[in-house]
Amino acid sequence: MANEKGATKKIAAGNQDEPRGTLRRSEGGTARFAEGRRAEIMEWIREEGSARVRELSKAFGVSEVTIRQDLERLEADGHIERVHGGAFLKSVQQQVRSMALQHHENMDAKSRIGAAAAALVEDGETITLDSGSTTTQVAAHLLERRDLTVITNGLNIALMLGAQPSITVHMPGGQFKAPTLSVSGEGSAEFFAGLFVRRLFLAAAAVSIEEGMSIPSLGDIPIKRAMIASAEKVYLLVDSTKIGRRSFSSVGPVTMIHAVITDSGISDADKARFEHMGIEVIIA
């Protein structure tokens, strides 16, 4: 089963279409659709740190006038600051100075998930840690490992583990994303060409059987797919609130992963559906 699963994963990772949004809205629409679109735009900006009107217009399938109105509303709510042609997240500079990540929800569950993931890692392994609040918890539980090689796109993770004499850390190049303290883009993805790691601990904003894995913006799609293609075994780390949901951009189907590590909030039905597809469910 493991070999079959690996083959399925490689095919899926290699044949993905270009990154695209999954939640396009028609022009105008109801107030409910507008509110939902603004929520997605806010998640995009929280992920990327900033956004251009033109790229948001193209991604959401609405006019630039509509996007400007959305940004005006978000600025009035105090979340962002508009500039010519776009907007940026107000808290970016403070986050970078304090090396703090944006998402602090469900930290108890994330800590347990991180501990469960770290328990799978043996001394001497080579692993990849995706950036994110849950994968940061994995790193926090790996400090006592010996002869470990870690590849990560998370700057905070690299600083945490790189201080340990027994852990070797490698980072790809690419564009720095302040809110997630990470690097991403095509250059980051190219770093993984020809690499082989034992395990990948992958982050996502949402996952469902029907919609697969998804994230708030487009920038991290190439590096996540490259990470998946270089790993022998892929573990998706998500707290249970992210299961059965979808975000803006599709990373790919759940057939790209081998296991889900989550908390006890996962429903029996969702657990059974993952297992029916041959995906191991590990409950922290």
Protein backbone atom coordinates (compact mmCIF):
# COMPACT_ATOMS: atom_id res chain seq x y z
CA MET A 1 0.00 0.00 0.00
CA ALA A 2 2.85 2.40 0.82
CA ASN A 3 4.40 2.00 -2.64
CA GLU A 4 1.03 2.43 -4.34
CA LYS A 5 0.35 5.50 -2.25
CA GLY A 6 3.72 6.98 -3.10
CA ALA A 7 3.11 6.46 -6.81
CA THR A 8 -0.28 8.11 -6.56
CA LYS A 9 1.26 11.02 -4.72
CA LYS A 10 3.98 11.58 -7.32
CA ILE A 11 1.52 11.50 -10.21
CA ALA A 12 -0.84 13.88 -8.46
CA ALA A 13 1.94 16.31 -7.61
CA GLY A 14 3.31 16.29 -11.13
CA ASN A 15 0.05 16.80 -12.98
CA GLN A 16 -1.50 19.69 -11.07
CA ASP A 17 -2.87 22.58 -13.09
CA GLU A 18 -1.51 26.05 -12.54
CA PRO A 19 -2.49 27.51 -9.15
CA ARG A 20 -5.93 29.01 -9.23
CA GLY A 21 -8.58 30.25 -6.85
CA THR A 22 -11.42 27.92 -5.93
CA LEU A 23 -13.96 30.45 -4.72
CA ARG A 24 -14.63 32.88 -7.55
CA ARG A 25 -17.59 35.22 -7.11
CA SER A 26 -19.76 36.75 -9.81
CA GLU A 27 -19.63 40.53 -10.20
CA GLY A 28 -21.74 42.31 -7.63
CA GLY A 29 -23.78 39.58 -5.97
CA THR A 30 -25.52 39.57 -2.64
CA ALA A 31 -24.26 41.20 0.52
CA ARG A 32 -23.49 37.71 1.84
CA PHE A 33 -21.20 36.99 -1.12
CA ALA A 34 -19.49 40.37 -0.69
CA GLU A 35 -18.90 39.65 3.00
CA GLY A 36 -17.48 36.23 2.16
CA ARG A 37 -15.20 37.72 -0.47
CA ARG A 38 -13.90 40.33 1.96
CA ALA A 39 -13.17 37.58 4.48
CA GLU A 40 -11.13 35.74 1.84
CA ILE A 41 -9.31 38.92 0.85
CA MET A 42 -8.45 39.47 4.51
CA GLU A 43 -7.08 35.94 4.80
CA TRP A 44 -5.02 36.55 1.64
CA ILE A 45 -3.50 39.71 3.12
CA ARG A 46 -2.86 38.02 6.47
CA GLU A 47 -0.98 35.31 4.57
CA GLU A 48 0.97 37.49 2.13
CA GLY A 49 1.27 40.73 4.07
CA SER A 50 -0.05 42.79 1.18
CA ALA A 51 -2.07 42.54 -2.02
CA ARG A 52 -2.49 44.46 -5.26
CA VAL A 53 -5.90 45.51 -6.53
CA ARG A 54 -5.16 44.08 -9.95
CA GLU A 55 -4.23 40.61 -8.68
CA LEU A 56 -7.23 40.46 -6.35
CA SER A 57 -9.55 41.51 -9.19
CA LYS A 58 -8.22 38.72 -11.40
CA ALA A 59 -8.27 36.10 -8.65
CA PHE A 60 -11.81 36.82 -7.46
CA GLY A 61 -13.29 37.50 -10.88
CA VAL A 62 -14.68 40.94 -9.99
CA SER A 63 -13.84 44.47 -11.15
CA GLU A 64 -11.07 46.59 -9.68
CA VAL A 65 -13.74 49.03 -8.52
CA THR A 66 -15.36 46.26 -6.47
CA ILE A 67 -12.00 45.29 -4.95
CA ARG A 68 -11.27 48.90 -4.01
CA GLN A 69 -14.63 49.05 -2.25
CA ASP A 70 -13.76 45.85 -0.39
CA LEU A 71 -10.42 47.31 0.70
CA GLU A 72 -12.08 50.52 1.83
CA ARG A 73 -14.38 48.45 4.06
CA LEU A 74 -11.51 46.42 5.49
CA GLU A 75 -9.53 49.59 6.18
CA ALA A 76 -12.56 51.11 7.95
CA ASP A 77 -12.67 47.98 10.13
CA GLY A 78 -9.06 48.70 11.15
CA HIS A 79 -7.39 45.60 9.69
CA ILE A 80 -5.39 47.02 6.79
CA GLU A 81 -3.97 50.23 5.39
CA ARG A 82 -4.62 51.10 1.77
CA VAL A 83 -1.87 52.40 -0.51
CA HIS A 84 -1.93 53.29 -4.20
CA GLY A 85 -2.84 50.15 -6.10
CA GLY A 86 -3.34 47.88 -3.10
CA ALA A 87 -3.18 47.43 0.66
CA PHE A 88 -0.98 45.97 3.39
CA LEU A 89 -1.46 44.39 6.79
CA LYS A 90 -1.05 46.87 9.62
CA SER A 91 0.60 44.45 12.04
CA VAL A 92 3.39 43.23 9.71
CA GLN A 93 6.28 45.26 11.16
CA GLN A 94 5.40 44.37 14.74
CA GLN A 95 5.11 40.67 13.85
CA VAL A 96 8.51 40.56 12.18
CA ARG A 97 10.23 42.43 15.01
CA SER A 98 8.79 40.01 17.57
CA MET A 99 9.11 36.93 15.28
CA ALA A 100 5.44 36.23 16.00
CA LEU A 101 3.10 34.30 13.73
CA GLN A 102 -0.37 35.57 12.88
CA HIS A 103 -2.47 32.56 13.85
CA HIS A 104 -2.80 31.77 17.57
CA GLU A 105 -6.12 29.93 17.52
CA ASN A 106 -6.41 26.39 18.98
CA MET A 107 -2.85 26.42 20.30
CA ASP A 108 -3.49 23.60 22.78
CA ALA A 109 -4.56 21.33 19.94
CA LYS A 110 -1.66 22.50 17.77
CA SER A 111 0.82 21.74 20.54
CA ARG A 112 -0.53 18.19 20.88
CA ILE A 113 -0.43 17.72 17.12
CA GLY A 114 3.15 18.99 17.06
CA ALA A 115 4.18 16.56 19.80
CA ALA A 116 2.53 13.63 18.01
CA ALA A 117 4.27 14.53 14.75
CA ALA A 118 7.67 14.94 16.42
CA ALA A 119 7.29 11.52 18.07
CA LEU A 120 7.42 9.96 14.60
CA VAL A 121 10.86 11.43 13.86
CA GLU A 122 13.92 9.35 14.66
CA ASP A 123 17.49 10.46 15.22
CA GLY A 124 19.46 10.73 12.00
CA GLU A 125 16.47 11.40 9.71
CA THR A 126 16.11 14.04 7.04
CA ILE A 127 12.73 15.77 7.16
CA THR A 128 10.95 18.80 5.76
CA LEU A 129 8.96 21.16 7.98
CA ASP A 130 6.54 23.48 6.22
CA SER A 131 6.07 26.96 7.72
CA GLY A 132 3.11 27.59 10.01
CA SER A 133 1.96 27.72 13.61
CA THR A 134 1.35 23.97 13.91
CA THR A 135 4.63 22.96 12.27
CA THR A 136 6.38 25.40 14.61
CA GLN A 137 5.05 23.22 17.42
CA VAL A 138 6.67 20.20 15.74
CA ALA A 139 10.00 22.04 15.79
CA ALA A 140 9.58 22.85 19.48
CA HIS A 141 9.37 19.12 20.22
CA LEU A 142 12.44 18.19 18.12
CA LEU A 143 15.06 20.09 20.11
CA GLU A 144 16.48 16.95 21.73
CA ARG A 145 16.90 14.97 18.48
CA ARG A 146 20.40 14.03 17.38
CA ASP A 147 21.93 14.09 13.89
CA LEU A 148 18.71 15.46 12.44
CA THR A 149 18.63 17.27 9.09
CA VAL A 150 15.72 19.67 8.65
CA ILE A 151 14.68 21.51 5.50
CA THR A 152 12.25 24.32 6.17
CA ASN A 153 10.85 27.44 4.56
CA GLY A 154 9.99 28.86 7.98
CA LEU A 155 12.52 31.42 9.22
CA ASN A 156 11.34 31.09 12.83
CA ILE A 157 11.71 27.31 12.61
CA ALA A 158 15.21 27.63 11.15
CA LEU A 159 16.28 29.93 13.98
CA MET A 160 14.77 27.64 16.60
CA LEU A 161 16.37 24.43 15.34
CA GLY A 162 19.54 25.91 13.86
CA ALA A 163 20.75 26.86 17.33
CA GLN A 164 20.95 23.15 18.25
CA PRO A 165 24.42 21.67 17.53
CA SER A 166 22.93 18.27 16.71
CA ILE A 167 20.49 19.59 14.09
CA THR A 168 21.46 20.74 10.60
CA VAL A 169 19.05 23.17 8.96
CA HIS A 170 18.70 24.06 5.28
CA MET A 171 16.48 26.80 3.86
CA PRO A 172 15.43 27.52 0.27
CA GLY A 173 15.73 30.99 -1.19
CA GLY A 174 12.74 32.94 -2.43
CA GLN A 175 10.49 35.82 -1.53
CA PHE A 176 10.15 36.58 2.17
CA LYS A 177 6.58 36.60 3.50
CA ALA A 178 6.51 38.64 6.68
CA PRO A 179 3.19 37.46 8.23
CA THR A 180 4.18 33.79 8.02
CA LEU A 181 7.94 34.37 8.57
CA SER A 182 8.56 32.19 5.53
CA VAL A 183 9.94 32.15 1.99
CA SER A 184 7.92 31.09 -1.02
CA GLY A 185 7.63 31.37 -4.80
CA GLU A 186 9.04 29.55 -7.81
CA GLY A 187 12.62 29.99 -6.63
CA SER A 188 11.82 28.24 -3.36
CA ALA A 189 10.14 25.39 -5.20
CA GLU A 190 13.18 24.83 -7.42
CA PHE A 191 15.29 24.21 -4.31
CA PHE A 192 13.49 20.88 -3.78
CA ALA A 193 14.23 19.49 -7.25
CA GLY A 194 16.31 16.33 -6.82
CA LEU A 195 15.98 16.29 -3.02
CA PHE A 196 14.73 13.29 -1.08
CA VAL A 197 13.42 13.39 2.49
CA ARG A 198 11.96 10.71 4.73
CA ARG A 199 9.01 12.74 6.01
CA LEU A 200 7.25 15.99 5.19
CA PHE A 201 5.07 17.72 7.76
CA LEU A 202 2.77 19.88 5.67
CA ALA A 203 0.49 22.75 6.71
CA ALA A 204 -2.79 23.86 5.12
CA ALA A 205 -5.59 26.27 5.97
CA ALA A 206 -8.32 23.77 5.12
CA VAL A 207 -8.86 20.22 3.91
CA SER A 208 -11.80 18.17 2.72
CA ILE A 209 -12.24 14.95 0.81
CA GLU A 210 -14.05 16.75 -2.02
CA GLU A 211 -11.95 19.93 -2.27
CA GLY A 212 -8.58 18.60 -1.17
CA MET A 213 -6.03 20.82 0.60
CA SER A 214 -6.28 24.58 0.24
CA ILE A 215 -4.63 27.78 1.45
CA PRO A 216 -5.58 31.49 1.48
CA SER A 217 -3.39 32.71 -1.40
CA LEU A 218 -1.48 31.64 -4.50
CA GLY A 219 2.14 32.25 -3.52
CA ASP A 220 2.80 29.05 -1.57
CA ILE A 221 1.30 26.62 -4.08
CA PRO A 222 4.57 25.89 -5.97
CA ILE A 223 6.68 25.25 -2.87
CA LYS A 224 4.07 23.04 -1.20
CA ARG A 225 3.76 20.89 -4.30
CA ALA A 226 7.56 20.69 -4.60
CA MET A 227 7.84 19.63 -0.96
CA ILE A 228 5.26 16.91 -1.53
CA ALA A 229 7.06 15.60 -4.62
CA SER A 230 10.36 15.27 -2.70
CA ALA A 231 8.99 13.35 0.30
CA GLU A 232 8.65 9.62 0.86
CA LYS A 233 5.81 10.12 3.33
CA VAL A 234 3.59 13.19 3.66
CA TYR A 235 1.80 14.09 6.89
CA LEU A 236 -0.81 16.84 6.78
CA LEU A 237 -1.00 18.69 10.11
CA VAL A 238 -4.38 20.34 10.70
CA ASP A 239 -6.44 20.96 13.79
CA SER A 240 -9.99 19.60 13.52
CA THR A 241 -11.55 23.03 12.86
CA LYS A 242 -9.91 23.00 9.41
CA ILE A 243 -11.41 19.67 8.33
CA GLY A 244 -14.38 19.78 5.98
CA ARG A 245 -13.59 23.34 4.91
CA ARG A 246 -11.94 24.97 1.92
CA SER A 247 -9.83 28.07 1.49
CA PHE A 248 -9.07 30.11 -1.63
CA SER A 249 -6.36 28.20 -3.54
CA SER A 250 -6.09 24.47 -4.13
CA VAL A 251 -2.82 22.73 -3.26
CA GLY A 252 -4.17 19.44 -4.57
CA PRO A 253 -6.28 16.40 -3.72
CA VAL A 254 -5.95 14.45 -0.50
CA THR A 255 -4.46 11.57 -2.52
CA MET A 256 -1.20 13.55 -2.34
CA ILE A 257 -0.84 12.76 1.39
CA HIS A 258 -0.32 9.58 3.38
CA ALA A 259 -1.53 10.64 6.83
CA VAL A 260 -3.44 13.35 8.67
CA ILE A 261 -2.37 14.33 12.18
CA THR A 262 -5.19 16.13 13.99
CA ASP A 263 -6.92 16.42 17.35
CA SER A 264 -9.82 14.55 18.93
CA GLY A 265 -12.34 17.02 17.53
CA ILE A 266 -12.37 15.21 14.18
CA SER A 267 -15.74 13.57 13.57
CA ASP A 268 -16.07 9.80 13.24
CA ALA A 269 -17.45 10.33 9.74
CA ASP A 270 -14.48 12.42 8.58
CA LYS A 271 -12.03 9.94 10.12
CA ALA A 272 -13.73 7.07 8.34
CA ARG A 273 -13.70 8.91 5.01
CA PHE A 274 -9.96 9.56 5.20
CA GLU A 275 -9.28 5.96 6.17
CA HIS A 276 -11.51 4.69 3.36
CA MET A 277 -9.15 6.48 0.96
CA GLY A 278 -6.12 4.79 2.50
CA ILE A 279 -5.04 7.85 4.50
CA GLU A 280 -3.93 7.15 8.05
CA VAL A 281 -5.52 9.34 10.72
CA ILE A 282 -3.36 10.04 13.78
CA ILE A 283 -5.21 11.69 16.66
CA ALA A 284 -3.05 13.67 19.04
